[in-house]
Amino acid sequence: MRRLAGRATPEIARPGALREALLGGGIGLGFILVSLLLISAC
């Protein structure tokens, strides 16, 4: 982003960004698993 838009990226460089990204990935995976369970149950 720094090269493309020519600006800093404070939204991804802050402390805790890795934890939030992993949490978001876990929540997304949970939604996918619940959807698969509902589809297979029907």
N, C-alpha and C. Protein backbone atom coordinates (compact mmCIF):
# COMPACT_ATOMS: atom_id res chain seq x y z
N MET A 1 0.83 -1.19 0.00
CA MET A 1 0.00 0.00 0.00
C MET A 1 0.87 1.25 0.00
N ARG A 2 1.99 1.15 0.66
CA ARG A 2 2.87 2.30 0.72
C ARG A 2 3.32 2.69 -0.68
N ARG A 3 3.65 1.69 -1.52
CA ARG A 3 4.10 1.99 -2.88
C ARG A 3 2.93 2.34 -3.79
N LEU A 4 1.82 1.67 -3.63
CA LEU A 4 0.68 1.86 -4.52
C LEU A 4 -0.02 3.20 -4.29
N ALA A 5 -0.38 3.48 -3.05
CA ALA A 5 -1.12 4.70 -2.75
C ALA A 5 -0.24 5.83 -2.24
N GLY A 6 0.99 5.49 -1.89
CA GLY A 6 1.89 6.52 -1.40
C GLY A 6 1.56 7.03 -0.02
N ARG A 7 1.03 6.17 0.81
CA ARG A 7 0.70 6.57 2.18
C ARG A 7 1.11 5.48 3.15
N ALA A 8 1.18 5.82 4.41
CA ALA A 8 1.50 4.86 5.45
C ALA A 8 0.31 3.93 5.68
N THR A 9 0.55 2.81 6.34
CA THR A 9 -0.53 1.86 6.63
C THR A 9 -0.63 1.61 8.13
N PRO A 10 -1.10 2.59 8.88
CA PRO A 10 -1.19 2.40 10.33
C PRO A 10 -2.27 1.40 10.73
N GLU A 11 -3.24 1.13 9.85
CA GLU A 11 -4.31 0.20 10.22
C GLU A 11 -3.83 -1.24 10.31
N ILE A 12 -2.71 -1.58 9.66
CA ILE A 12 -2.21 -2.94 9.75
C ILE A 12 -0.90 -3.02 10.51
N ALA A 13 -0.32 -1.91 10.88
CA ALA A 13 0.97 -1.91 11.55
C ALA A 13 0.83 -1.72 13.06
N ARG A 14 -0.36 -1.70 13.56
CA ARG A 14 -0.53 -1.44 14.99
C ARG A 14 -0.38 -2.71 15.81
N PRO A 15 -0.10 -2.56 17.07
CA PRO A 15 0.02 -3.74 17.94
C PRO A 15 -1.31 -4.49 18.03
N GLY A 16 -1.25 -5.80 18.00
CA GLY A 16 -2.46 -6.61 18.10
C GLY A 16 -3.08 -6.95 16.76
N ALA A 17 -2.48 -6.49 15.67
CA ALA A 17 -3.08 -6.75 14.35
C ALA A 17 -3.07 -8.23 14.02
N LEU A 18 -2.02 -8.94 14.41
CA LEU A 18 -1.96 -10.38 14.14
C LEU A 18 -3.05 -11.11 14.90
N ARG A 19 -3.25 -10.75 16.15
CA ARG A 19 -4.30 -11.39 16.96
C ARG A 19 -5.67 -11.14 16.35
N GLU A 20 -5.93 -9.92 15.90
CA GLU A 20 -7.22 -9.61 15.29
C GLU A 20 -7.41 -10.32 13.97
N ALA A 21 -6.34 -10.47 13.19
CA ALA A 21 -6.44 -11.19 11.92
C ALA A 21 -6.74 -12.67 12.16
N LEU A 22 -6.08 -13.26 13.14
CA LEU A 22 -6.34 -14.66 13.46
C LEU A 22 -7.75 -14.86 14.01
N LEU A 23 -8.20 -13.92 14.81
CA LEU A 23 -9.56 -14.00 15.34
C LEU A 23 -10.58 -13.90 14.21
N GLY A 24 -10.37 -12.99 13.28
CA GLY A 24 -11.27 -12.86 12.13
C GLY A 24 -11.27 -14.10 11.26
N GLY A 25 -10.09 -14.69 11.06
CA GLY A 25 -10.01 -15.92 10.29
C GLY A 25 -10.72 -17.06 10.98
N GLY A 26 -10.60 -17.14 12.30
CA GLY A 26 -11.28 -18.18 13.07
C GLY A 26 -12.79 -18.03 13.02
N ILE A 27 -13.25 -16.81 13.12
CA ILE A 27 -14.70 -16.56 13.04
C ILE A 27 -15.22 -16.91 11.65
N GLY A 28 -14.48 -16.53 10.62
CA GLY A 28 -14.87 -16.87 9.26
C GLY A 28 -14.92 -18.37 9.03
N LEU A 29 -13.91 -19.07 9.54
CA LEU A 29 -13.89 -20.52 9.42
C LEU A 29 -15.07 -21.15 10.16
N GLY A 30 -15.40 -20.59 11.31
CA GLY A 30 -16.56 -21.07 12.06
C GLY A 30 -17.85 -20.92 11.29
N PHE A 31 -18.03 -19.79 10.61
CA PHE A 31 -19.22 -19.58 9.79
C PHE A 31 -19.29 -20.58 8.65
N ILE A 32 -18.15 -20.84 8.03
CA ILE A 32 -18.11 -21.81 6.93
C ILE A 32 -18.48 -23.21 7.43
N LEU A 33 -17.94 -23.60 8.58
CA LEU A 33 -18.23 -24.92 9.14
C LEU A 33 -19.71 -25.06 9.51
N VAL A 34 -20.27 -24.03 10.09
CA VAL A 34 -21.70 -24.07 10.44
C VAL A 34 -22.54 -24.19 9.17
N SER A 35 -22.16 -23.46 8.13
CA SER A 35 -22.90 -23.54 6.86
C SER A 35 -22.81 -24.95 6.28
N LEU A 36 -21.62 -25.55 6.31
CA LEU A 36 -21.47 -26.90 5.79
C LEU A 36 -22.29 -27.90 6.60
N LEU A 37 -22.32 -27.73 7.90
CA LEU A 37 -23.13 -28.63 8.74
C LEU A 37 -24.61 -28.50 8.43
N LEU A 38 -25.07 -27.28 8.23
CA LEU A 38 -26.49 -27.07 7.92
C LEU A 38 -26.83 -27.64 6.55
N ILE A 39 -25.94 -27.47 5.58
CA ILE A 39 -26.20 -28.01 4.24
C ILE A 39 -26.23 -29.53 4.29
N SER A 40 -25.28 -30.14 5.00
CA SER A 40 -25.26 -31.59 5.05
C SER A 40 -26.42 -32.15 5.87
N ALA A 41 -26.93 -31.41 6.82
CA ALA A 41 -28.08 -31.86 7.61
C ALA A 41 -29.37 -31.83 6.79
N CYS A 42 -29.44 -30.92 5.87
CA CYS A 42 -30.65 -30.82 5.03
C CYS A 42 -30.55 -31.81 3.89
